[in-house]
Amino acid sequence: MKLLFSYFLKWGLLLIWLGLLMGVVITYSSVSFHVVDWLLFSLIVLFFLVQSWFPVFRSDDTLLTPKNLMLFVFLNKLVLIPLELLIWGNQVQKFEWKRTNLIEEVAVTTFAFLAFTVGWKLNGLNKYNRSMKTENYEPIRWLAYIFLLIGIFSILVRYGSIQGYLTGSFLKETIAQFNENNAGSIIGLIGSMTSRFLPFSSILFWILADQKRDKIGGPYWRQNILFIVLCVLCSLSSNRANIIYPLLSLLSIMFSYFKVYNKVPVIVMGIPAIVLLFFFGLVRSLREFSLDEIPKLLKLFADNFGYVPSAHQIYFGTPYQITPLIYTDYQLQGNTLLSSILFSIPLVGKNFRLTSGVSMYNQAIYSSSISSDQVIPVAGEFYYNFGLVGVVLSHLLIGYFYCKIDKLFKQSLLYSKAIAVAWFYIAIHYNAAIFLSISVLIQFLVYSCLPAIILLIICKYQVEEMKLEFES
């Protein structure tokens, strides 16, 4: 019975999706925009259609894996945001500057997702041999202390003291002042590139404590709560990703052996967490933090709650983000890909910023290059430079390598929590290739992923090989 239901569901979703696209073709008129609802609904159907046809693209039972992160991002892009657009319409005013029929935007999003799926499946077909290994805790121990010292050094450089870090690190003005005072300096570069070592040290200390607890026993949940709080305190930043990414990385290995078969309650609980992150946007805008300001900010947030769908559409990627690129003349602007790749690289990127996709995209939106607050979507930039062929080829590779990272994380869980957490941390930043921009992805690799890369390089050659091998 279950097999029969699955069969009808697969073909039913396929027929609905094809029917929606055929309806758009038949009813489309250059002076009519009433096909928008059909196009948005086709994205929702497409997400579940792919999951129905490709079991490899369904969520893992383990809660926090790179694959589940990826699926959550696409759930937002292809299901939740189209639903918001169907209910409330486009909430981002800066994308209303040109009237659009949404056909090109949905086509780019559709081809990107399908190509990503194929790339993931191509890697998923590859079988590989794995060696059972055991964790060598000695390099983890000295790396934990080295990372701690580097993290404290970064705090002193950027905030002057531990107290300055605890009271001002999550305020935008504090870090903006540091960047202004140290623009182009070596100390500014070092301070920025070492800022993620402190949260990584807290994760490594948890791994050491967990290994000790396995030997002598102890209150597991109490220890975990303590390290979760410690990880958050070590991750304070005005950038929300800098706080949440280390925490999720720690939770990925804490929860690696727990199975969650029904993800709906988790997704429902995740929505208030996203709203809380948007509220943090008000907190970080304060000139000075005071607990007395929180009730006022809560009232301001409640009075302007319409900001939430707007922020959601911006951060997770509405199809309308691609609109400015469609109306930009390639002959006038030229190719932006190389400049976007080099944009975030220290010292080198300075000479490429004016010709980057970031500059061109914000110029198209604001008619000025002064602001650069909007990130050019990856799929949109490849479409602008190389058309749908570029979208397909790029997302084949993005999907292929994402699947590779997911495999390496799951493989590492068998023998090394340190290596596994490093791969998860890289994976969560790699999501920038799906819903952010190329320049942000490179920025993450340069400024945020350095401790994870060091951990991978050192620990990879420290695990002790065992002779037992098996095929997955």
Protein backbone atom coordinates (compact mmCIF):
# COMPACT_ATOMS: atom_id res chain seq x y z
CA MET A 1 0.00 0.00 0.00
CA LYS A 2 2.82 2.38 0.93
CA LEU A 3 4.63 1.57 -2.33
CA LEU A 4 1.46 2.23 -4.34
CA PHE A 5 0.94 5.59 -2.58
CA SER A 6 4.56 6.56 -3.30
CA TYR A 7 4.09 5.64 -6.98
CA PHE A 8 0.98 7.81 -7.38
CA LEU A 9 2.57 10.66 -5.39
CA LYS A 10 5.63 10.75 -7.65
CA TRP A 11 3.69 10.78 -10.88
CA GLY A 12 1.00 13.06 -9.47
CA LEU A 13 3.53 15.70 -8.46
CA LEU A 14 5.26 15.43 -11.83
CA LEU A 15 1.99 15.92 -13.71
CA ILE A 16 1.01 18.88 -11.50
CA TRP A 17 4.40 20.54 -12.04
CA LEU A 18 4.31 20.01 -15.81
CA GLY A 19 0.68 21.16 -15.87
CA LEU A 20 1.57 24.38 -14.06
CA LEU A 21 4.37 25.13 -16.53
CA MET A 22 2.14 24.32 -19.49
CA GLY A 23 -0.54 26.60 -18.06
CA VAL A 24 1.99 29.43 -17.85
CA VAL A 25 3.00 28.91 -21.48
CA ILE A 26 -0.62 28.87 -22.69
CA THR A 27 -1.88 31.83 -20.68
CA TYR A 28 1.21 34.05 -20.78
CA SER A 29 0.85 37.45 -22.39
CA SER A 30 3.39 40.26 -22.52
CA VAL A 31 0.80 42.60 -21.05
CA SER A 32 -0.51 40.19 -18.41
CA PHE A 33 1.11 39.21 -15.13
CA HIS A 34 -1.55 36.87 -13.77
CA VAL A 35 0.68 33.78 -14.25
CA VAL A 36 2.81 34.80 -11.25
CA ASP A 37 0.82 32.64 -8.82
CA TRP A 38 1.26 29.57 -11.05
CA LEU A 39 4.99 30.17 -11.30
CA LEU A 40 5.42 30.50 -7.53
CA PHE A 41 3.31 27.41 -6.88
CA SER A 42 5.46 25.47 -9.37
CA LEU A 43 8.51 26.09 -7.13
CA ILE A 44 6.68 24.61 -4.15
CA VAL A 45 5.68 21.53 -6.15
CA LEU A 46 9.22 21.22 -7.55
CA PHE A 47 10.77 20.88 -4.09
CA PHE A 48 8.53 17.97 -3.11
CA LEU A 49 8.72 16.48 -6.62
CA VAL A 50 12.53 16.16 -6.36
CA GLN A 51 12.28 14.61 -2.88
CA SER A 52 9.70 12.15 -4.16
CA TRP A 53 11.72 11.03 -7.20
CA PHE A 54 15.18 10.99 -5.57
CA PRO A 55 15.36 9.21 -2.18
CA VAL A 56 19.00 10.37 -1.87
CA PHE A 57 17.61 13.91 -1.61
CA ARG A 58 15.41 13.21 1.40
CA SER A 59 16.34 14.35 4.90
CA ASP A 60 18.59 12.33 7.20
CA ASP A 61 17.19 10.82 10.38
CA THR A 62 20.04 12.45 12.30
CA LEU A 63 18.92 16.00 12.95
CA LEU A 64 21.98 18.14 12.20
CA THR A 65 23.83 17.05 9.08
CA PRO A 66 25.06 19.12 6.11
CA LYS A 67 22.34 17.54 3.95
CA ASN A 68 19.58 18.63 6.34
CA LEU A 69 21.03 22.15 6.41
CA MET A 70 20.97 22.25 2.62
CA LEU A 71 17.38 20.98 2.52
CA PHE A 72 16.35 23.60 5.07
CA VAL A 73 17.81 26.36 2.89
CA PHE A 74 15.98 25.06 -0.18
CA LEU A 75 12.78 24.62 1.88
CA ASN A 76 12.93 28.35 2.58
CA LYS A 77 13.82 29.32 -1.01
CA LEU A 78 11.36 27.05 -2.81
CA VAL A 79 8.49 26.61 -0.35
CA LEU A 80 8.27 29.16 2.48
CA ILE A 81 9.22 32.28 0.51
CA PRO A 82 6.93 31.45 -2.47
CA LEU A 83 4.13 30.91 0.08
CA GLU A 84 4.86 34.34 1.55
CA LEU A 85 4.81 35.87 -1.93
CA LEU A 86 1.48 34.19 -2.67
CA ILE A 87 -0.05 35.42 0.60
CA TRP A 88 1.54 38.86 1.14
CA GLY A 89 3.29 39.59 -2.12
CA ASN A 90 6.77 40.99 -2.50
CA GLN A 91 7.73 42.65 0.79
CA VAL A 92 11.12 43.99 -0.32
CA GLN A 93 10.55 47.47 -1.72
CA LYS A 94 14.00 47.74 -3.31
CA PHE A 95 12.99 44.93 -5.70
CA GLU A 96 9.88 46.80 -6.85
CA TRP A 97 11.86 49.23 -8.96
CA LYS A 98 11.04 47.29 -12.15
CA ARG A 99 7.80 45.54 -12.96
CA THR A 100 8.53 41.87 -13.69
CA ASN A 101 6.54 38.86 -14.86
CA LEU A 102 8.82 36.57 -12.80
CA ILE A 103 9.29 34.05 -15.63
CA GLU A 104 13.06 34.52 -15.93
CA GLU A 105 13.56 34.59 -12.16
CA VAL A 106 11.66 31.34 -11.63
CA ALA A 107 13.45 29.74 -14.60
CA VAL A 108 16.87 30.56 -13.09
CA THR A 109 15.81 29.26 -9.65
CA THR A 110 14.35 26.09 -11.18
CA PHE A 111 17.40 25.28 -13.34
CA ALA A 112 19.74 26.00 -10.42
CA PHE A 113 17.85 23.64 -8.10
CA LEU A 114 17.54 20.85 -10.67
CA ALA A 115 21.24 21.11 -11.59
CA PHE A 116 22.19 21.07 -7.90
CA THR A 117 20.07 17.94 -7.45
CA VAL A 118 21.77 16.18 -10.36
CA GLY A 119 25.22 17.18 -9.07
CA TRP A 120 24.36 15.85 -5.62
CA LYS A 121 23.04 12.60 -7.06
CA LEU A 122 26.15 12.12 -9.24
CA ASN A 123 28.36 12.24 -6.17
CA GLY A 124 25.85 10.18 -4.21
CA LEU A 125 26.28 7.33 -6.69
CA ASN A 126 30.01 7.08 -5.93
CA LYS A 127 30.88 4.31 -3.51
CA TYR A 128 33.95 4.69 -1.37
CA ASN A 129 35.96 2.63 1.08
CA ARG A 130 36.27 3.82 4.64
CA SER A 131 38.76 2.79 7.31
CA MET A 132 37.73 2.42 10.90
CA LYS A 133 39.95 4.73 12.94
CA THR A 134 40.29 5.97 16.48
CA GLU A 135 40.54 9.56 17.67
CA ASN A 136 43.95 10.82 18.77
CA TYR A 137 43.13 13.39 21.47
CA GLU A 138 46.65 14.75 21.97
CA PRO A 139 46.64 17.22 19.00
CA ILE A 140 43.09 18.25 19.95
CA ARG A 141 44.30 19.12 23.45
CA TRP A 142 47.11 21.44 22.40
CA LEU A 143 45.05 22.90 19.53
CA ALA A 144 42.32 23.78 22.05
CA TYR A 145 44.79 25.82 24.12
CA ILE A 146 46.41 27.42 21.06
CA PHE A 147 43.00 28.40 19.66
CA LEU A 148 42.06 29.79 23.09
CA LEU A 149 45.16 32.00 23.20
CA ILE A 150 44.60 33.19 19.62
CA GLY A 151 40.96 33.94 20.45
CA ILE A 152 41.89 35.97 23.53
CA PHE A 153 44.50 37.84 21.48
CA SER A 154 41.80 38.68 18.90
CA ILE A 155 39.50 39.99 21.65
CA LEU A 156 42.21 42.23 23.08
CA VAL A 157 43.07 43.56 19.62
CA ARG A 158 39.50 44.29 18.60
CA TYR A 159 37.79 45.26 21.88
CA GLY A 160 40.62 46.18 24.26
CA SER A 161 39.51 43.88 27.08
CA ILE A 162 37.33 40.90 27.97
CA GLN A 163 34.76 43.32 29.45
CA GLY A 164 34.74 45.33 26.23
CA TYR A 165 34.09 42.11 24.33
CA LEU A 166 31.20 41.00 26.56
CA THR A 167 29.48 44.41 26.51
CA GLY A 168 30.13 45.61 22.96
CA SER A 169 31.11 42.80 20.58
CA PHE A 170 27.50 42.32 19.38
CA LEU A 171 27.03 46.01 18.55
CA LYS A 172 27.60 47.03 14.92
CA GLU A 173 29.05 50.38 15.92
CA THR A 174 31.83 48.74 17.97
CA ILE A 175 33.22 46.66 15.12
CA ALA A 176 32.58 49.46 12.62
CA GLN A 177 34.79 51.72 14.76
CA PHE A 178 37.51 49.06 14.85
CA ASN A 179 37.36 48.61 11.07
CA GLU A 180 37.50 52.37 10.52
CA ASN A 181 40.49 52.82 12.82
CA ASN A 182 42.40 49.88 11.36
CA ALA A 183 41.36 49.97 7.71
CA GLY A 184 44.11 48.51 5.53
CA SER A 185 46.38 47.74 8.50
CA ILE A 186 47.98 44.41 9.35
CA ILE A 187 46.57 44.51 12.89
CA GLY A 188 43.06 44.97 11.50
CA LEU A 189 43.51 42.01 9.15
CA ILE A 190 44.90 39.77 11.91
CA GLY A 191 42.13 40.79 14.31
CA SER A 192 39.46 39.87 11.76
CA MET A 193 41.04 36.59 10.63
CA THR A 194 41.53 35.31 14.20
CA SER A 195 38.05 36.13 15.52
CA ARG A 196 36.63 32.62 15.00
CA PHE A 197 39.32 30.74 16.94
CA LEU A 198 37.71 31.36 20.35
CA PRO A 199 34.40 29.54 19.63
CA PHE A 200 36.37 26.69 18.07
CA SER A 201 38.43 26.34 21.25
CA SER A 202 35.20 25.88 23.27
CA ILE A 203 34.12 23.11 20.89
CA LEU A 204 37.50 21.35 21.21
CA PHE A 205 37.33 21.57 25.01
CA TRP A 206 33.88 19.94 24.85
CA ILE A 207 35.36 17.08 22.79
CA LEU A 208 38.04 16.57 25.44
CA ALA A 209 35.48 16.74 28.26
CA ASP A 210 33.19 14.32 26.41
CA GLN A 211 36.05 11.84 26.01
CA LYS A 212 36.77 12.06 29.75
CA ARG A 213 33.08 11.66 30.60
CA ASP A 214 32.93 8.49 28.47
CA LYS A 215 35.63 7.01 30.71
CA ILE A 216 34.44 8.06 34.17
CA GLY A 217 30.76 8.83 33.58
CA GLY A 218 28.93 11.91 34.74
CA PRO A 219 25.89 14.18 34.15
CA TYR A 220 25.85 14.31 30.36
CA TRP A 221 23.07 16.86 29.88
CA ARG A 222 24.48 19.27 32.49
CA GLN A 223 27.88 19.24 30.83
CA ASN A 224 26.34 19.83 27.41
CA ILE A 225 24.29 22.82 28.58
CA LEU A 226 27.41 24.34 30.14
CA PHE A 227 29.37 24.06 26.89
CA ILE A 228 26.45 25.35 24.79
CA VAL A 229 26.39 28.52 26.92
CA LEU A 230 30.19 28.73 26.75
CA CYS A 231 30.15 28.38 22.95
CA VAL A 232 27.63 31.23 22.62
CA LEU A 233 29.69 33.47 24.94
CA CYS A 234 32.79 32.75 22.86
CA SER A 235 30.93 33.54 19.62
CA LEU A 236 29.52 37.00 20.40
CA SER A 237 29.46 39.17 17.30
CA SER A 238 27.33 41.74 15.50
CA ASN A 239 27.17 39.21 12.66
CA ARG A 240 24.40 36.72 13.41
CA ALA A 241 26.08 33.95 11.41
CA ASN A 242 29.18 34.22 13.60
CA ILE A 243 27.05 33.38 16.64
CA ILE A 244 24.80 30.67 15.25
CA TYR A 245 27.27 28.75 13.04
CA PRO A 246 29.67 27.61 15.81
CA LEU A 247 26.67 26.69 18.00
CA LEU A 248 25.12 24.55 15.26
CA SER A 249 28.51 22.93 14.63
CA LEU A 250 28.78 21.97 18.31
CA LEU A 251 25.20 20.65 18.32
CA SER A 252 25.92 18.60 15.18
CA ILE A 253 28.33 16.36 17.10
CA MET A 254 26.40 16.50 20.37
CA PHE A 255 23.29 15.18 18.59
CA SER A 256 25.07 12.93 16.09
CA TYR A 257 23.64 9.74 17.59
CA PHE A 258 20.06 10.94 18.09
CA LYS A 259 17.54 10.08 15.40
CA VAL A 260 14.59 12.39 14.61
CA TYR A 261 12.18 10.79 12.17
CA ASN A 262 9.56 13.54 12.18
CA LYS A 263 11.18 16.86 11.27
CA VAL A 264 7.96 18.93 11.24
CA PRO A 265 8.09 19.86 14.96
CA VAL A 266 11.76 20.83 14.56
CA ILE A 267 10.93 23.08 11.60
CA VAL A 268 8.03 24.63 13.54
CA MET A 269 10.36 25.35 16.47
CA GLY A 270 12.97 26.69 14.07
CA ILE A 271 10.67 29.46 12.78
CA PRO A 272 10.60 31.37 16.13
CA ALA A 273 14.39 30.99 16.24
CA ILE A 274 14.63 32.75 12.86
CA VAL A 275 12.31 35.51 14.14
CA LEU A 276 14.58 35.89 17.19
CA LEU A 277 17.57 36.31 14.89
CA PHE A 278 15.76 39.10 13.07
CA PHE A 279 15.02 40.74 16.45
CA PHE A 280 18.75 40.59 17.17
CA GLY A 281 19.11 42.97 14.22
CA LEU A 282 17.57 45.68 16.43
CA VAL A 283 19.76 44.83 19.43
CA ARG A 284 23.00 45.07 17.45
CA SER A 285 21.99 48.53 16.16
CA LEU A 286 22.12 50.06 19.66
CA ARG A 287 24.90 52.56 20.36
CA GLU A 288 25.32 51.12 23.86
CA PHE A 289 23.74 47.97 25.23
CA SER A 290 21.42 48.25 28.20
CA LEU A 291 18.85 45.78 29.52
CA ASP A 292 16.44 48.72 29.92
CA GLU A 293 16.37 49.03 26.12
CA ILE A 294 15.08 45.48 25.53
CA PRO A 295 11.37 46.16 26.35
CA LYS A 296 11.42 49.19 24.04
CA LEU A 297 13.00 47.12 21.26
CA LEU A 298 10.43 44.35 21.75
CA LYS A 299 7.60 46.87 21.37
CA LEU A 300 9.28 48.38 18.29
CA PHE A 301 9.71 44.89 16.82
CA ALA A 302 6.07 43.97 17.49
CA ASP A 303 4.83 47.22 15.96
CA ASN A 304 6.87 46.57 12.84
CA PHE A 305 6.44 42.81 12.61
CA GLY A 306 5.87 43.14 8.86
CA TYR A 307 9.65 43.48 8.67
CA VAL A 308 9.99 39.72 9.32
CA PRO A 309 8.75 38.43 5.93
CA SER A 310 10.74 41.20 4.26
CA ALA A 311 13.95 40.15 6.06
CA HIS A 312 13.18 36.50 5.40
CA GLN A 313 12.83 37.13 1.67
CA ILE A 314 16.10 39.07 1.57
CA TYR A 315 18.23 36.67 3.62
CA PHE A 316 17.00 33.37 2.17
CA GLY A 317 16.60 34.56 -1.40
CA THR A 318 13.38 35.66 -3.06
CA PRO A 319 13.18 35.11 -6.85
CA TYR A 320 12.80 38.88 -7.15
CA GLN A 321 16.48 39.23 -6.14
CA ILE A 322 17.38 38.25 -9.70
CA THR A 323 15.23 41.02 -11.23
CA PRO A 324 17.90 43.78 -11.14
CA LEU A 325 20.27 41.53 -13.11
CA ILE A 326 17.71 40.93 -15.86
CA TYR A 327 17.46 44.66 -16.53
CA THR A 328 21.23 45.28 -16.42
CA ASP A 329 23.04 45.63 -19.76
CA TYR A 330 25.90 43.11 -19.92
CA GLN A 331 27.58 45.09 -22.72
CA LEU A 332 27.92 48.11 -20.42
CA GLN A 333 29.02 46.29 -17.26
CA GLY A 334 31.01 43.31 -18.60
CA ASN A 335 31.89 40.03 -16.87
CA THR A 336 31.85 40.20 -13.08
CA LEU A 337 32.75 36.66 -12.01
CA LEU A 338 36.53 36.98 -11.48
CA SER A 339 36.12 40.31 -9.66
CA SER A 340 33.45 38.78 -7.40
CA ILE A 341 35.74 35.86 -6.54
CA LEU A 342 38.62 38.22 -5.65
CA PHE A 343 36.37 40.82 -3.96
CA SER A 344 36.84 39.53 -0.38
CA ILE A 345 40.49 38.47 -0.55
CA PRO A 346 42.60 40.75 1.66
CA LEU A 347 44.78 43.31 -0.14
CA VAL A 348 44.16 41.73 -3.58
CA GLY A 349 40.40 42.31 -3.65
CA LYS A 350 40.65 46.07 -3.28
CA ASN A 351 41.54 46.48 -6.97
CA PHE A 352 38.55 44.41 -8.16
CA ARG A 353 35.68 45.79 -6.09
CA LEU A 354 34.41 48.36 -8.56
CA THR A 355 34.09 45.72 -11.33
CA SER A 356 32.61 43.02 -9.09
CA GLY A 357 29.09 41.66 -9.14
CA VAL A 358 28.49 43.23 -5.72
CA SER A 359 29.21 46.74 -7.04
CA MET A 360 27.26 46.23 -10.27
CA TYR A 361 24.27 44.72 -8.44
CA ASN A 362 23.99 47.53 -5.88
CA GLN A 363 24.49 50.10 -8.65
CA ALA A 364 21.50 48.56 -10.45
CA ILE A 365 19.34 48.70 -7.30
CA TYR A 366 20.30 52.10 -5.88
CA SER A 367 21.67 53.84 -9.01
CA SER A 368 24.76 54.43 -6.90
CA SER A 369 27.85 52.43 -5.93
CA ILE A 370 28.09 54.01 -2.47
CA SER A 371 26.08 51.25 -0.78
CA SER A 372 26.97 47.55 -0.99
CA ASP A 373 24.47 46.10 1.47
CA GLN A 374 22.74 43.75 -1.01
CA VAL A 375 24.47 40.50 -1.96
CA ILE A 376 24.22 39.38 -5.58
CA PRO A 377 22.67 35.87 -5.69
CA VAL A 378 25.02 33.16 -6.99
CA ALA A 379 22.53 31.76 -9.51
CA GLY A 380 21.74 35.30 -10.68
CA GLU A 381 25.39 36.20 -11.21
CA PHE A 382 26.04 33.08 -13.28
CA TYR A 383 22.87 33.82 -15.27
CA TYR A 384 24.00 37.40 -15.88
CA ASN A 385 27.45 36.28 -17.08
CA PHE A 386 26.78 32.97 -18.86
CA GLY A 387 23.02 32.49 -19.19
CA LEU A 388 21.17 29.33 -18.19
CA VAL A 389 24.13 27.20 -19.34
CA GLY A 390 26.28 28.89 -16.69
CA VAL A 391 23.57 28.36 -14.05
CA VAL A 392 23.36 24.64 -14.82
CA LEU A 393 27.12 23.96 -14.97
CA SER A 394 27.90 25.96 -11.83
CA HIS A 395 25.16 24.31 -9.78
CA LEU A 396 26.13 20.85 -10.97
CA LEU A 397 29.51 21.49 -9.36
CA ILE A 398 28.02 23.16 -6.26
CA GLY A 399 25.73 20.18 -5.68
CA TYR A 400 28.50 17.67 -6.37
CA PHE A 401 30.90 19.20 -3.84
CA TYR A 402 28.17 19.77 -1.24
CA CYS A 403 27.41 16.04 -1.35
CA LYS A 404 31.15 15.36 -0.95
CA ILE A 405 31.30 17.52 2.19
CA ASP A 406 28.20 15.78 3.56
CA LYS A 407 29.87 12.39 3.03
CA LEU A 408 33.10 13.50 4.69
CA PHE A 409 31.15 14.74 7.74
CA LYS A 410 29.27 11.46 8.15
CA GLN A 411 32.39 9.40 7.56
CA SER A 412 34.36 11.43 10.12
CA LEU A 413 31.70 10.89 12.81
CA LEU A 414 32.82 7.25 12.95
CA TYR A 415 36.27 8.11 14.26
CA SER A 416 36.82 11.84 14.94
CA LYS A 417 34.47 14.42 16.40
CA ALA A 418 37.08 17.12 15.70
CA ILE A 419 37.26 16.39 11.98
CA ALA A 420 33.47 16.00 11.79
CA VAL A 421 32.81 19.38 13.40
CA ALA A 422 35.31 21.01 11.05
CA TRP A 423 33.51 19.59 8.00
CA PHE A 424 30.13 20.66 9.39
CA TYR A 425 31.42 24.18 10.00
CA ILE A 426 32.69 24.36 6.41
CA ALA A 427 29.38 22.95 5.13
CA ILE A 428 27.27 25.55 6.92
CA HIS A 429 29.36 28.32 5.34
CA TYR A 430 29.21 26.57 1.97
CA ASN A 431 25.47 27.29 1.98
CA ALA A 432 26.47 30.76 0.79
CA ALA A 433 26.80 29.14 -2.65
CA ILE A 434 23.05 28.45 -2.56
CA PHE A 435 21.42 31.54 -1.09
CA LEU A 436 24.08 34.24 -0.71
CA SER A 437 26.85 35.33 -3.10
CA ILE A 438 30.23 34.25 -4.45
CA SER A 439 31.99 37.11 -2.65
CA VAL A 440 30.36 36.12 0.68
CA LEU A 441 31.41 32.49 0.15
CA ILE A 442 35.04 33.53 -0.37
CA GLN A 443 34.82 35.89 2.60
CA PHE A 444 33.63 32.99 4.78
CA LEU A 445 36.50 30.77 3.61
CA VAL A 446 39.11 33.47 4.29
CA TYR A 447 37.84 35.01 7.54
CA SER A 448 35.64 32.37 9.20
CA CYS A 449 36.83 28.89 8.17
CA LEU A 450 40.55 29.22 9.00
CA PRO A 451 40.35 27.32 12.35
CA ALA A 452 38.33 24.53 10.69
CA ILE A 453 40.88 24.24 7.86
CA ILE A 454 43.78 24.11 10.36
CA LEU A 455 41.92 21.45 12.34
CA LEU A 456 41.40 19.33 9.23
CA ILE A 457 45.04 19.58 8.14
CA ILE A 458 46.47 18.64 11.55
CA CYS A 459 43.95 16.05 12.73
CA LYS A 460 43.68 14.24 9.40
CA TYR A 461 47.16 12.79 9.85
CA GLN A 462 46.80 12.15 13.59
CA VAL A 463 44.00 9.58 13.61
CA GLU A 464 45.16 6.04 14.13
CA GLU A 465 44.26 3.74 11.24
CA MET A 466 42.73 0.35 11.92
CA LYS A 467 42.91 -2.46 9.41
CA LEU A 468 39.19 -3.12 9.19
CA GLU A 469 37.75 -1.63 5.98
CA PHE A 470 34.24 -1.76 4.63
CA GLU A 471 32.24 -0.35 1.75
CA SER A 472 29.44 2.18 2.15
